Amino acid sequence: MGSGAYDQRVLAGEELYADGLDDSIEQSAIYSSILFESAGQELPAIVLTPACDILHAQTELVLTVAGIFPASHIFERFLQKNKLTLGQIIGRDVTRRKTYRGVTDTFKKQYLANRVLMYHFLPRYEDKLQDSFIDFSIVRTLSAQELLRRSKIAVLKSPWREAVPSRYAAYSLRIGVREYDDNLLEVVVNDMSTVRVE
């Protein structure tokens, strides 16, 4: 990785992650090694419980956390979804430059730019967290006592601190509706367009 790429990662980390960690439980704090049975593994996790619920908890505090996967894991799944073979993904087989560029451009514009509701991209943070994605489909609850037995490795600064639970709410409260038919969309575009096409 060139020094320019390193500098960009450092700047992203300085912008996103708060300095200094204490023992308090906070919204959007990231902890190491929490077991997610639905994923069948231990993962870093981020606290999704809103700050007001943490602050005003009158009884035993139960927290909601989401699993965090390495970005390379999500990228590999994306490549598979876009019909690249395992040989192409691991670099054994050659991939056409145009095909690869198209796929990676889509990944950057959709996933890394946080336009896919299921995921939220987190850039690398020192040696504590590699480039990663929060996966809002991998969620569990645990007690404050259980969380405090884990190491806190980072905390997001505002406005990211507030944005992550908000994005989780948007993902978990979405309503599935049937998509419009391509034929209807074509009719709508043709009705609006005055562009002459040859």
N, C-alpha and C. Protein backbone atom coordinates (compact mmCIF):
# COMPACT_ATOMS: atom_id res chain seq x y z
N MET A 1 0.85 -1.17 0.00
CA MET A 1 0.00 0.00 0.00
C MET A 1 0.90 1.24 0.00
N GLY A 2 0.63 2.17 -0.92
CA GLY A 2 1.43 3.38 -1.00
C GLY A 2 1.17 4.31 0.15
N SER A 3 2.06 5.29 0.33
CA SER A 3 1.91 6.21 1.47
C SER A 3 0.65 7.05 1.35
N GLY A 4 0.23 7.38 0.12
CA GLY A 4 -1.00 8.15 -0.07
C GLY A 4 -2.20 7.39 0.46
N ALA A 5 -2.27 6.08 0.15
CA ALA A 5 -3.37 5.26 0.64
C ALA A 5 -3.33 5.18 2.16
N TYR A 6 -2.13 5.06 2.73
CA TYR A 6 -2.00 5.00 4.18
C TYR A 6 -2.49 6.31 4.79
N ASP A 7 -2.07 7.45 4.21
CA ASP A 7 -2.48 8.74 4.75
C ASP A 7 -4.00 8.89 4.73
N GLN A 8 -4.65 8.42 3.67
CA GLN A 8 -6.11 8.52 3.59
C GLN A 8 -6.77 7.68 4.67
N ARG A 9 -6.22 6.50 4.94
CA ARG A 9 -6.79 5.64 5.99
C ARG A 9 -6.62 6.28 7.36
N VAL A 10 -5.45 6.87 7.60
CA VAL A 10 -5.20 7.52 8.89
C VAL A 10 -6.16 8.67 9.08
N LEU A 11 -6.35 9.48 8.03
CA LEU A 11 -7.28 10.62 8.13
C LEU A 11 -8.70 10.15 8.37
N ALA A 12 -9.11 9.07 7.70
CA ALA A 12 -10.46 8.55 7.90
C ALA A 12 -10.63 8.08 9.35
N GLY A 13 -9.62 7.42 9.89
CA GLY A 13 -9.69 6.96 11.27
C GLY A 13 -9.74 8.11 12.27
N GLU A 14 -8.94 9.15 12.03
CA GLU A 14 -8.93 10.30 12.92
C GLU A 14 -10.27 11.02 12.90
N GLU A 15 -10.92 11.01 11.76
CA GLU A 15 -12.21 11.68 11.62
C GLU A 15 -13.33 10.90 12.28
N LEU A 16 -13.25 9.58 12.22
CA LEU A 16 -14.35 8.72 12.61
C LEU A 16 -14.31 8.23 14.05
N TYR A 17 -13.10 7.94 14.56
CA TYR A 17 -12.99 7.29 15.86
C TYR A 17 -12.55 8.28 16.94
N ALA A 18 -13.16 8.16 18.12
CA ALA A 18 -12.86 9.04 19.25
C ALA A 18 -11.54 8.65 19.91
N ASP A 19 -10.87 9.63 20.48
CA ASP A 19 -9.65 9.38 21.23
C ASP A 19 -9.98 8.93 22.64
N GLY A 20 -9.15 8.08 23.19
CA GLY A 20 -9.29 7.68 24.59
C GLY A 20 -10.49 6.79 24.83
N LEU A 21 -10.27 5.70 25.52
CA LEU A 21 -11.34 4.77 25.85
C LEU A 21 -11.43 4.62 27.35
N ASP A 22 -12.67 4.53 27.84
CA ASP A 22 -12.85 4.26 29.27
C ASP A 22 -13.72 3.01 29.41
N ASP A 23 -14.15 2.70 30.61
CA ASP A 23 -14.92 1.47 30.86
C ASP A 23 -16.42 1.64 30.68
N SER A 24 -16.87 2.84 30.35
CA SER A 24 -18.32 3.06 30.24
C SER A 24 -18.88 2.39 28.98
N ILE A 25 -20.15 2.01 29.07
CA ILE A 25 -20.85 1.46 27.92
C ILE A 25 -21.45 2.64 27.16
N GLU A 26 -21.16 2.68 25.86
CA GLU A 26 -21.61 3.81 25.05
C GLU A 26 -22.26 3.32 23.77
N GLN A 27 -23.17 4.12 23.27
CA GLN A 27 -23.72 3.89 21.94
C GLN A 27 -22.57 3.96 20.93
N SER A 28 -22.54 3.03 20.00
CA SER A 28 -21.55 2.96 18.93
C SER A 28 -20.12 2.71 19.42
N ALA A 29 -19.99 2.06 20.58
CA ALA A 29 -18.69 1.57 21.02
C ALA A 29 -18.48 0.19 20.38
N ILE A 30 -17.23 -0.09 20.02
CA ILE A 30 -16.90 -1.35 19.36
C ILE A 30 -16.11 -2.22 20.33
N TYR A 31 -16.55 -3.47 20.47
CA TYR A 31 -15.92 -4.43 21.38
C TYR A 31 -15.39 -5.62 20.59
N SER A 32 -14.42 -6.30 21.17
CA SER A 32 -13.81 -7.45 20.50
C SER A 32 -14.51 -8.74 20.89
N SER A 33 -14.47 -9.71 20.02
CA SER A 33 -14.76 -11.12 20.28
C SER A 33 -16.06 -11.39 21.02
N ILE A 34 -17.17 -11.13 20.37
CA ILE A 34 -18.48 -11.48 20.91
C ILE A 34 -19.04 -12.61 20.05
N LEU A 35 -19.54 -13.64 20.69
CA LEU A 35 -20.07 -14.80 19.96
C LEU A 35 -21.43 -14.46 19.35
N PHE A 36 -21.51 -14.67 18.04
CA PHE A 36 -22.78 -14.55 17.32
C PHE A 36 -23.13 -15.95 16.82
N GLU A 37 -24.07 -16.59 17.49
CA GLU A 37 -24.43 -17.96 17.12
C GLU A 37 -24.98 -18.02 15.70
N SER A 38 -25.69 -16.96 15.27
CA SER A 38 -26.25 -16.96 13.93
C SER A 38 -25.16 -16.95 12.85
N ALA A 39 -23.98 -16.44 13.18
CA ALA A 39 -22.85 -16.44 12.25
C ALA A 39 -21.91 -17.61 12.51
N GLY A 40 -22.08 -18.26 13.67
CA GLY A 40 -21.24 -19.39 14.02
C GLY A 40 -19.81 -19.00 14.36
N GLN A 41 -19.61 -17.77 14.85
CA GLN A 41 -18.25 -17.33 15.18
C GLN A 41 -18.26 -16.11 16.09
N GLU A 42 -17.09 -15.85 16.66
CA GLU A 42 -16.90 -14.63 17.43
C GLU A 42 -16.47 -13.52 16.49
N LEU A 43 -17.06 -12.34 16.70
CA LEU A 43 -16.78 -11.19 15.84
C LEU A 43 -16.64 -9.95 16.71
N PRO A 44 -15.93 -8.93 16.22
CA PRO A 44 -16.07 -7.63 16.87
C PRO A 44 -17.53 -7.20 16.73
N ALA A 45 -17.99 -6.34 17.63
CA ALA A 45 -19.39 -5.93 17.60
C ALA A 45 -19.52 -4.47 18.02
N ILE A 46 -20.57 -3.83 17.52
CA ILE A 46 -20.83 -2.44 17.85
C ILE A 46 -22.16 -2.32 18.58
N VAL A 47 -22.21 -1.46 19.59
CA VAL A 47 -23.41 -1.26 20.39
C VAL A 47 -24.41 -0.42 19.60
N LEU A 48 -25.62 -0.98 19.41
CA LEU A 48 -26.68 -0.29 18.69
C LEU A 48 -27.69 0.36 19.63
N THR A 49 -27.66 -0.02 20.88
CA THR A 49 -28.60 0.53 21.85
C THR A 49 -28.43 2.03 21.94
N PRO A 50 -29.53 2.79 21.81
CA PRO A 50 -29.42 4.25 21.86
C PRO A 50 -28.90 4.76 23.21
N ALA A 51 -28.20 5.88 23.16
CA ALA A 51 -27.59 6.46 24.36
C ALA A 51 -28.62 6.73 25.45
N CYS A 52 -29.81 7.18 25.06
CA CYS A 52 -30.83 7.49 26.07
C CYS A 52 -31.25 6.23 26.83
N ASP A 53 -31.32 5.08 26.14
CA ASP A 53 -31.68 3.83 26.82
C ASP A 53 -30.56 3.38 27.76
N ILE A 54 -29.32 3.59 27.35
CA ILE A 54 -28.19 3.22 28.21
C ILE A 54 -28.18 4.11 29.45
N LEU A 55 -28.40 5.40 29.25
CA LEU A 55 -28.34 6.37 30.34
C LEU A 55 -29.47 6.19 31.34
N HIS A 56 -30.66 5.88 30.86
CA HIS A 56 -31.84 5.85 31.73
C HIS A 56 -32.29 4.45 32.10
N ALA A 57 -31.44 3.45 31.88
CA ALA A 57 -31.83 2.08 32.22
C ALA A 57 -32.07 1.96 33.72
N GLN A 58 -33.29 1.56 34.09
CA GLN A 58 -33.64 1.41 35.50
C GLN A 58 -33.42 -0.01 36.00
N THR A 59 -33.47 -0.94 35.10
CA THR A 59 -33.32 -2.34 35.48
C THR A 59 -32.05 -2.89 34.85
N GLU A 60 -31.92 -4.18 34.87
CA GLU A 60 -30.77 -4.84 34.24
C GLU A 60 -30.67 -4.37 32.79
N LEU A 61 -29.53 -3.83 32.43
CA LEU A 61 -29.34 -3.28 31.10
C LEU A 61 -29.07 -4.40 30.09
N VAL A 62 -29.91 -4.49 29.08
CA VAL A 62 -29.71 -5.44 27.98
C VAL A 62 -29.40 -4.62 26.74
N LEU A 63 -28.30 -4.98 26.09
CA LEU A 63 -27.82 -4.21 24.95
C LEU A 63 -27.98 -4.98 23.66
N THR A 64 -28.19 -4.24 22.59
CA THR A 64 -28.23 -4.82 21.26
C THR A 64 -26.92 -4.48 20.56
N VAL A 65 -26.28 -5.51 19.99
CA VAL A 65 -25.02 -5.31 19.27
C VAL A 65 -25.12 -5.97 17.90
N ALA A 66 -24.37 -5.43 16.94
CA ALA A 66 -24.30 -6.01 15.59
C ALA A 66 -22.89 -6.47 15.31
N GLY A 67 -22.78 -7.56 14.56
CA GLY A 67 -21.48 -8.12 14.22
C GLY A 67 -20.76 -7.30 13.16
N ILE A 68 -19.44 -7.35 13.21
CA ILE A 68 -18.59 -6.62 12.27
C ILE A 68 -17.70 -7.63 11.56
N PHE A 69 -17.78 -7.63 10.23
CA PHE A 69 -16.98 -8.53 9.40
C PHE A 69 -15.86 -7.77 8.70
N PRO A 70 -14.73 -8.44 8.42
CA PRO A 70 -13.70 -7.80 7.60
C PRO A 70 -14.30 -7.43 6.24
N ALA A 71 -13.92 -6.28 5.72
CA ALA A 71 -14.42 -5.83 4.41
C ALA A 71 -14.12 -6.86 3.33
N SER A 72 -12.98 -7.54 3.44
CA SER A 72 -12.61 -8.54 2.42
C SER A 72 -13.64 -9.67 2.35
N HIS A 73 -14.25 -10.02 3.48
CA HIS A 73 -15.27 -11.07 3.52
C HIS A 73 -16.51 -10.63 2.72
N ILE A 74 -16.96 -9.39 2.95
CA ILE A 74 -18.13 -8.88 2.25
C ILE A 74 -17.83 -8.70 0.76
N PHE A 75 -16.60 -8.24 0.45
CA PHE A 75 -16.20 -8.05 -0.93
C PHE A 75 -16.19 -9.38 -1.68
N GLU A 76 -15.68 -10.43 -1.05
CA GLU A 76 -15.65 -11.74 -1.69
C GLU A 76 -17.06 -12.24 -1.97
N ARG A 77 -17.96 -12.05 -1.02
CA ARG A 77 -19.36 -12.45 -1.24
C ARG A 77 -19.98 -11.64 -2.39
N PHE A 78 -19.63 -10.37 -2.47
CA PHE A 78 -20.12 -9.51 -3.54
C PHE A 78 -19.61 -10.00 -4.90
N LEU A 79 -18.32 -10.37 -4.96
CA LEU A 79 -17.75 -10.88 -6.21
C LEU A 79 -18.45 -12.17 -6.64
N GLN A 80 -18.73 -13.06 -5.69
CA GLN A 80 -19.43 -14.29 -6.00
C GLN A 80 -20.83 -14.00 -6.53
N LYS A 81 -21.49 -13.04 -5.89
CA LYS A 81 -22.84 -12.65 -6.31
C LYS A 81 -22.83 -12.08 -7.73
N ASN A 82 -21.70 -11.50 -8.12
CA ASN A 82 -21.56 -10.92 -9.45
C ASN A 82 -20.88 -11.88 -10.43
N LYS A 83 -20.98 -13.17 -10.13
CA LYS A 83 -20.61 -14.26 -11.05
C LYS A 83 -19.11 -14.41 -11.31
N LEU A 84 -18.26 -13.88 -10.43
CA LEU A 84 -16.84 -14.19 -10.57
C LEU A 84 -16.61 -15.58 -9.97
N THR A 85 -15.79 -16.37 -10.60
CA THR A 85 -15.51 -17.72 -10.12
C THR A 85 -14.53 -17.65 -8.96
N LEU A 86 -14.44 -18.74 -8.21
CA LEU A 86 -13.49 -18.81 -7.10
C LEU A 86 -12.07 -18.60 -7.62
N GLY A 87 -11.77 -19.19 -8.78
CA GLY A 87 -10.45 -19.01 -9.37
C GLY A 87 -10.14 -17.56 -9.68
N GLN A 88 -11.14 -16.82 -10.16
CA GLN A 88 -10.96 -15.39 -10.42
C GLN A 88 -10.80 -14.62 -9.11
N ILE A 89 -11.60 -14.97 -8.11
CA ILE A 89 -11.57 -14.25 -6.84
C ILE A 89 -10.23 -14.41 -6.13
N ILE A 90 -9.65 -15.61 -6.18
CA ILE A 90 -8.37 -15.81 -5.47
C ILE A 90 -7.17 -15.47 -6.35
N GLY A 91 -7.44 -15.01 -7.58
CA GLY A 91 -6.35 -14.55 -8.43
C GLY A 91 -5.65 -15.64 -9.22
N ARG A 92 -6.21 -16.84 -9.21
CA ARG A 92 -5.61 -17.93 -9.99
C ARG A 92 -5.95 -17.78 -11.47
N ASP A 93 -7.19 -17.37 -11.75
CA ASP A 93 -7.64 -17.19 -13.13
C ASP A 93 -7.71 -15.70 -13.46
N VAL A 94 -7.46 -15.38 -14.71
CA VAL A 94 -7.46 -13.99 -15.15
C VAL A 94 -8.89 -13.50 -15.34
N THR A 95 -9.14 -12.26 -14.91
CA THR A 95 -10.43 -11.60 -15.07
C THR A 95 -10.26 -10.43 -16.03
N ARG A 96 -11.20 -10.25 -16.92
CA ARG A 96 -11.11 -9.11 -17.84
C ARG A 96 -11.15 -7.80 -17.06
N ARG A 97 -10.25 -6.89 -17.43
CA ARG A 97 -10.14 -5.61 -16.73
C ARG A 97 -11.47 -4.85 -16.70
N LYS A 98 -12.18 -4.86 -17.83
CA LYS A 98 -13.45 -4.13 -17.91
C LYS A 98 -14.48 -4.74 -16.95
N THR A 99 -14.52 -6.06 -16.88
CA THR A 99 -15.45 -6.74 -15.96
C THR A 99 -15.11 -6.39 -14.52
N TYR A 100 -13.82 -6.51 -14.18
CA TYR A 100 -13.40 -6.24 -12.80
C TYR A 100 -13.66 -4.78 -12.43
N ARG A 101 -13.34 -3.85 -13.34
CA ARG A 101 -13.56 -2.43 -13.07
C ARG A 101 -15.04 -2.13 -12.83
N GLY A 102 -15.91 -2.74 -13.64
CA GLY A 102 -17.34 -2.54 -13.47
C GLY A 102 -17.83 -3.04 -12.12
N VAL A 103 -17.36 -4.22 -11.73
CA VAL A 103 -17.77 -4.80 -10.45
C VAL A 103 -17.24 -3.97 -9.28
N THR A 104 -15.97 -3.59 -9.33
CA THR A 104 -15.40 -2.83 -8.20
C THR A 104 -15.99 -1.42 -8.12
N ASP A 105 -16.30 -0.83 -9.26
CA ASP A 105 -16.95 0.49 -9.23
C ASP A 105 -18.30 0.42 -8.54
N THR A 106 -19.06 -0.64 -8.84
CA THR A 106 -20.36 -0.84 -8.18
C THR A 106 -20.17 -1.04 -6.68
N PHE A 107 -19.17 -1.84 -6.30
CA PHE A 107 -18.92 -2.08 -4.88
C PHE A 107 -18.58 -0.76 -4.16
N LYS A 108 -17.74 0.05 -4.77
CA LYS A 108 -17.37 1.33 -4.16
C LYS A 108 -18.58 2.25 -4.03
N LYS A 109 -19.36 2.35 -5.09
CA LYS A 109 -20.49 3.29 -5.11
C LYS A 109 -21.64 2.83 -4.22
N GLN A 110 -21.81 1.52 -4.07
CA GLN A 110 -22.93 1.01 -3.29
C GLN A 110 -22.54 0.64 -1.86
N TYR A 111 -21.54 -0.19 -1.71
CA TYR A 111 -21.18 -0.72 -0.39
C TYR A 111 -20.29 0.24 0.40
N LEU A 112 -19.19 0.67 -0.19
CA LEU A 112 -18.27 1.54 0.54
C LEU A 112 -18.86 2.92 0.80
N ALA A 113 -19.81 3.32 -0.04
CA ALA A 113 -20.48 4.61 0.15
C ALA A 113 -21.73 4.48 1.04
N ASN A 114 -21.93 3.30 1.63
CA ASN A 114 -23.02 3.04 2.56
C ASN A 114 -24.41 3.28 1.96
N ARG A 115 -24.59 2.77 0.74
CA ARG A 115 -25.89 2.87 0.10
C ARG A 115 -26.67 1.55 0.19
N VAL A 116 -26.05 0.52 0.75
CA VAL A 116 -26.71 -0.78 0.95
C VAL A 116 -27.14 -0.84 2.41
N LEU A 117 -28.45 -0.91 2.65
CA LEU A 117 -28.98 -0.80 4.01
C LEU A 117 -28.44 -1.85 4.98
N MET A 118 -28.12 -3.02 4.49
CA MET A 118 -27.73 -4.12 5.37
C MET A 118 -26.34 -3.92 5.98
N TYR A 119 -25.51 -3.10 5.36
CA TYR A 119 -24.12 -2.94 5.79
C TYR A 119 -23.77 -1.47 6.06
N HIS A 120 -22.78 -1.31 6.93
CA HIS A 120 -22.19 0.02 7.14
C HIS A 120 -20.68 -0.12 7.17
N PHE A 121 -20.01 0.60 6.28
CA PHE A 121 -18.55 0.49 6.16
C PHE A 121 -17.85 1.26 7.27
N LEU A 122 -16.83 0.62 7.85
CA LEU A 122 -15.96 1.25 8.84
C LEU A 122 -14.52 1.16 8.33
N PRO A 123 -13.85 2.30 8.11
CA PRO A 123 -12.45 2.23 7.67
C PRO A 123 -11.55 1.74 8.79
N ARG A 124 -10.37 1.30 8.41
CA ARG A 124 -9.37 0.78 9.33
C ARG A 124 -9.11 1.77 10.47
N TYR A 125 -8.86 1.22 11.66
CA TYR A 125 -8.53 2.04 12.82
C TYR A 125 -7.28 1.47 13.48
N GLU A 126 -6.17 2.14 13.27
CA GLU A 126 -4.87 1.74 13.83
C GLU A 126 -4.68 0.24 13.63
N ASP A 127 -4.25 -0.46 14.67
CA ASP A 127 -4.11 -1.91 14.55
C ASP A 127 -5.27 -2.63 15.24
N LYS A 128 -6.31 -1.87 15.59
CA LYS A 128 -7.41 -2.43 16.36
C LYS A 128 -8.55 -2.97 15.51
N LEU A 129 -8.74 -2.37 14.34
CA LEU A 129 -9.86 -2.77 13.49
C LEU A 129 -9.44 -2.61 12.04
N GLN A 130 -9.56 -3.69 11.26
CA GLN A 130 -9.25 -3.58 9.84
C GLN A 130 -10.45 -2.97 9.11
N ASP A 131 -10.28 -2.63 7.82
CA ASP A 131 -11.42 -2.17 7.03
C ASP A 131 -12.53 -3.20 7.23
N SER A 132 -13.72 -2.74 7.61
CA SER A 132 -14.78 -3.66 8.03
C SER A 132 -16.16 -3.17 7.61
N PHE A 133 -17.12 -4.07 7.76
CA PHE A 133 -18.52 -3.72 7.58
C PHE A 133 -19.31 -4.19 8.80
N ILE A 134 -20.15 -3.30 9.32
CA ILE A 134 -21.17 -3.72 10.28
C ILE A 134 -22.23 -4.44 9.46
N ASP A 135 -22.65 -5.61 9.91
CA ASP A 135 -23.70 -6.37 9.23
C ASP A 135 -24.94 -6.31 10.11
N PHE A 136 -25.93 -5.52 9.70
CA PHE A 136 -27.13 -5.32 10.50
C PHE A 136 -28.04 -6.54 10.52
N SER A 137 -27.72 -7.57 9.74
CA SER A 137 -28.51 -8.80 9.79
C SER A 137 -27.96 -9.77 10.84
N ILE A 138 -26.79 -9.48 11.38
CA ILE A 138 -26.17 -10.32 12.42
C ILE A 138 -26.20 -9.53 13.72
N VAL A 139 -27.24 -9.76 14.51
CA VAL A 139 -27.50 -8.97 15.71
C VAL A 139 -27.82 -9.91 16.86
N ARG A 140 -27.44 -9.50 18.07
CA ARG A 140 -27.82 -10.23 19.27
C ARG A 140 -27.94 -9.27 20.44
N THR A 141 -28.51 -9.77 21.52
CA THR A 141 -28.56 -9.00 22.77
C THR A 141 -27.66 -9.67 23.79
N LEU A 142 -27.17 -8.86 24.71
CA LEU A 142 -26.38 -9.38 25.82
C LEU A 142 -26.43 -8.40 26.97
N SER A 143 -26.08 -8.90 28.15
CA SER A 143 -26.13 -8.05 29.34
C SER A 143 -24.93 -7.11 29.38
N ALA A 144 -25.08 -6.06 30.15
CA ALA A 144 -23.97 -5.12 30.33
C ALA A 144 -22.77 -5.83 30.95
N GLN A 145 -23.02 -6.74 31.89
CA GLN A 145 -21.93 -7.46 32.53
C GLN A 145 -21.15 -8.30 31.53
N GLU A 146 -21.88 -8.95 30.61
CA GLU A 146 -21.21 -9.76 29.60
C GLU A 146 -20.40 -8.89 28.65
N LEU A 147 -20.94 -7.74 28.29
CA LEU A 147 -20.22 -6.84 27.39
C LEU A 147 -18.95 -6.31 28.04
N LEU A 148 -19.04 -5.98 29.32
CA LEU A 148 -17.89 -5.40 30.02
C LEU A 148 -16.74 -6.40 30.20
N ARG A 149 -17.00 -7.68 29.97
CA ARG A 149 -15.92 -8.66 30.02
C ARG A 149 -15.10 -8.66 28.72
N ARG A 150 -15.57 -7.93 27.73
CA ARG A 150 -14.86 -7.82 26.45
C ARG A 150 -14.04 -6.53 26.42
N SER A 151 -13.08 -6.49 25.52
CA SER A 151 -12.24 -5.29 25.38
C SER A 151 -12.93 -4.30 24.47
N LYS A 152 -13.03 -3.06 24.93
CA LYS A 152 -13.52 -1.98 24.06
C LYS A 152 -12.35 -1.55 23.19
N ILE A 153 -12.55 -1.59 21.87
CA ILE A 153 -11.43 -1.28 20.98
C ILE A 153 -11.58 0.06 20.26
N ALA A 154 -12.79 0.61 20.23
CA ALA A 154 -13.00 1.90 19.57
C ALA A 154 -14.38 2.44 19.91
N VAL A 155 -14.54 3.74 19.70
CA VAL A 155 -15.83 4.41 19.84
C VAL A 155 -15.96 5.39 18.68
N LEU A 156 -17.12 5.41 18.06
CA LEU A 156 -17.33 6.34 16.96
C LEU A 156 -17.62 7.74 17.50
N LYS A 157 -17.13 8.74 16.78
CA LYS A 157 -17.43 10.14 17.09
C LYS A 157 -18.80 10.50 16.51
N SER A 158 -19.36 11.59 17.01
CA SER A 158 -20.56 12.16 16.42
C SER A 158 -20.17 12.80 15.09
N PRO A 159 -20.94 12.72 14.04
CA PRO A 159 -22.31 12.20 13.91
C PRO A 159 -22.40 10.72 13.58
N TRP A 160 -21.25 10.04 13.39
CA TRP A 160 -21.29 8.60 13.08
C TRP A 160 -21.87 7.82 14.25
N ARG A 161 -21.60 8.28 15.46
CA ARG A 161 -22.13 7.62 16.66
C ARG A 161 -23.64 7.49 16.59
N GLU A 162 -24.30 8.54 16.12
CA GLU A 162 -25.76 8.54 16.02
C GLU A 162 -26.23 7.90 14.72
N ALA A 163 -25.42 7.99 13.68
CA ALA A 163 -25.84 7.50 12.36
C ALA A 163 -25.96 5.98 12.32
N VAL A 164 -25.07 5.27 13.00
CA VAL A 164 -25.09 3.80 12.92
C VAL A 164 -26.38 3.22 13.50
N PRO A 165 -26.81 3.58 14.73
CA PRO A 165 -28.09 3.05 15.21
C PRO A 165 -29.28 3.49 14.35
N SER A 166 -29.19 4.70 13.79
CA SER A 166 -30.25 5.17 12.91
C SER A 166 -30.33 4.32 11.64
N ARG A 167 -29.17 3.96 11.08
CA ARG A 167 -29.16 3.11 9.89
C ARG A 167 -29.67 1.71 10.23
N TYR A 168 -29.33 1.22 11.42
CA TYR A 168 -29.85 -0.08 11.83
C TYR A 168 -31.38 -0.05 11.91
N ALA A 169 -31.92 1.04 12.47
CA ALA A 169 -33.37 1.17 12.56
C ALA A 169 -34.00 1.17 11.16
N ALA A 170 -33.39 1.87 10.22
CA ALA A 170 -33.90 1.91 8.85
C ALA A 170 -33.88 0.51 8.24
N TYR A 171 -32.82 -0.25 8.52
CA TYR A 171 -32.72 -1.61 7.97
C TYR A 171 -33.76 -2.52 8.62
N SER A 172 -33.85 -2.49 9.94
CA SER A 172 -34.71 -3.45 10.64
C SER A 172 -36.20 -3.11 10.53
N LEU A 173 -36.54 -1.86 10.22
CA LEU A 173 -37.95 -1.46 10.13
C LEU A 173 -38.44 -1.35 8.69
N ARG A 174 -37.60 -1.74 7.72
CA ARG A 174 -38.02 -1.62 6.33
C ARG A 174 -39.19 -2.56 6.06
N ILE A 175 -40.01 -2.17 5.12
CA ILE A 175 -41.19 -2.97 4.74
C ILE A 175 -40.98 -3.48 3.33
N GLY A 176 -41.09 -4.77 3.16
CA GLY A 176 -40.91 -5.36 1.84
C GLY A 176 -42.14 -5.14 0.97
N VAL A 177 -41.93 -4.56 -0.18
CA VAL A 177 -43.01 -4.37 -1.14
C VAL A 177 -42.55 -4.89 -2.50
N ARG A 178 -43.51 -5.24 -3.33
CA ARG A 178 -43.19 -5.74 -4.66
C ARG A 178 -42.58 -4.62 -5.49
N GLU A 179 -41.51 -4.94 -6.22
CA GLU A 179 -40.88 -3.94 -7.07
C GLU A 179 -41.71 -3.71 -8.32
N TYR A 180 -41.61 -2.51 -8.90
CA TYR A 180 -42.32 -2.22 -10.13
C TYR A 180 -41.74 -3.03 -11.28
N ASP A 181 -42.59 -3.42 -12.18
CA ASP A 181 -42.21 -4.19 -13.35
C ASP A 181 -41.34 -3.33 -14.28
N ASP A 182 -40.32 -3.95 -14.90
CA ASP A 182 -39.43 -3.24 -15.82
C ASP A 182 -40.19 -2.60 -16.97
N ASN A 183 -41.25 -3.26 -17.45
CA ASN A 183 -42.03 -2.70 -18.55
C ASN A 183 -42.69 -1.39 -18.15
N LEU A 184 -43.23 -1.34 -16.95
CA LEU A 184 -43.84 -0.10 -16.46
C LEU A 184 -42.79 1.00 -16.36
N LEU A 185 -41.62 0.68 -15.82
CA LEU A 185 -40.57 1.68 -15.67
C LEU A 185 -40.11 2.20 -17.03
N GLU A 186 -40.04 1.32 -18.01
CA GLU A 186 -39.66 1.74 -19.36
C GLU A 186 -40.70 2.71 -19.93
N VAL A 187 -41.99 2.43 -19.73
CA VAL A 187 -43.06 3.31 -20.21
C VAL A 187 -42.95 4.68 -19.55
N VAL A 188 -42.71 4.70 -18.23
CA VAL A 188 -42.60 5.97 -17.50
C VAL A 188 -41.44 6.80 -18.04
N VAL A 189 -40.27 6.17 -18.23
CA VAL A 189 -39.09 6.88 -18.74
C VAL A 189 -39.36 7.41 -20.14
N ASN A 190 -39.96 6.58 -20.99
CA ASN A 190 -40.25 7.02 -22.36
C ASN A 190 -41.23 8.18 -22.39
N ASP A 191 -42.22 8.18 -21.50
CA ASP A 191 -43.19 9.28 -21.43
C ASP A 191 -42.54 10.59 -21.00
N MET A 192 -41.53 10.51 -20.14
CA MET A 192 -40.88 11.73 -19.64
C MET A 192 -39.83 12.26 -20.60
N SER A 193 -39.26 11.40 -21.39
CA SER A 193 -38.08 11.76 -22.17
C SER A 193 -38.41 12.46 -23.47
N THR A 194 -37.65 13.51 -23.77
CA THR A 194 -37.72 14.18 -25.05
C THR A 194 -36.41 14.01 -25.82
N VAL A 195 -35.52 13.15 -25.30
CA VAL A 195 -34.22 12.92 -25.93
C VAL A 195 -34.40 12.11 -27.20
N ARG A 196 -33.77 12.55 -28.27
CA ARG A 196 -33.79 11.80 -29.53
C ARG A 196 -32.65 10.79 -29.53
N VAL A 197 -32.98 9.55 -29.77
CA VAL A 197 -31.98 8.48 -29.73
C VAL A 197 -31.91 7.85 -31.13
N GLU A 198 -30.68 7.70 -31.62
CA GLU A 198 -30.49 7.07 -32.95
C GLU A 198 -29.96 5.67 -32.80
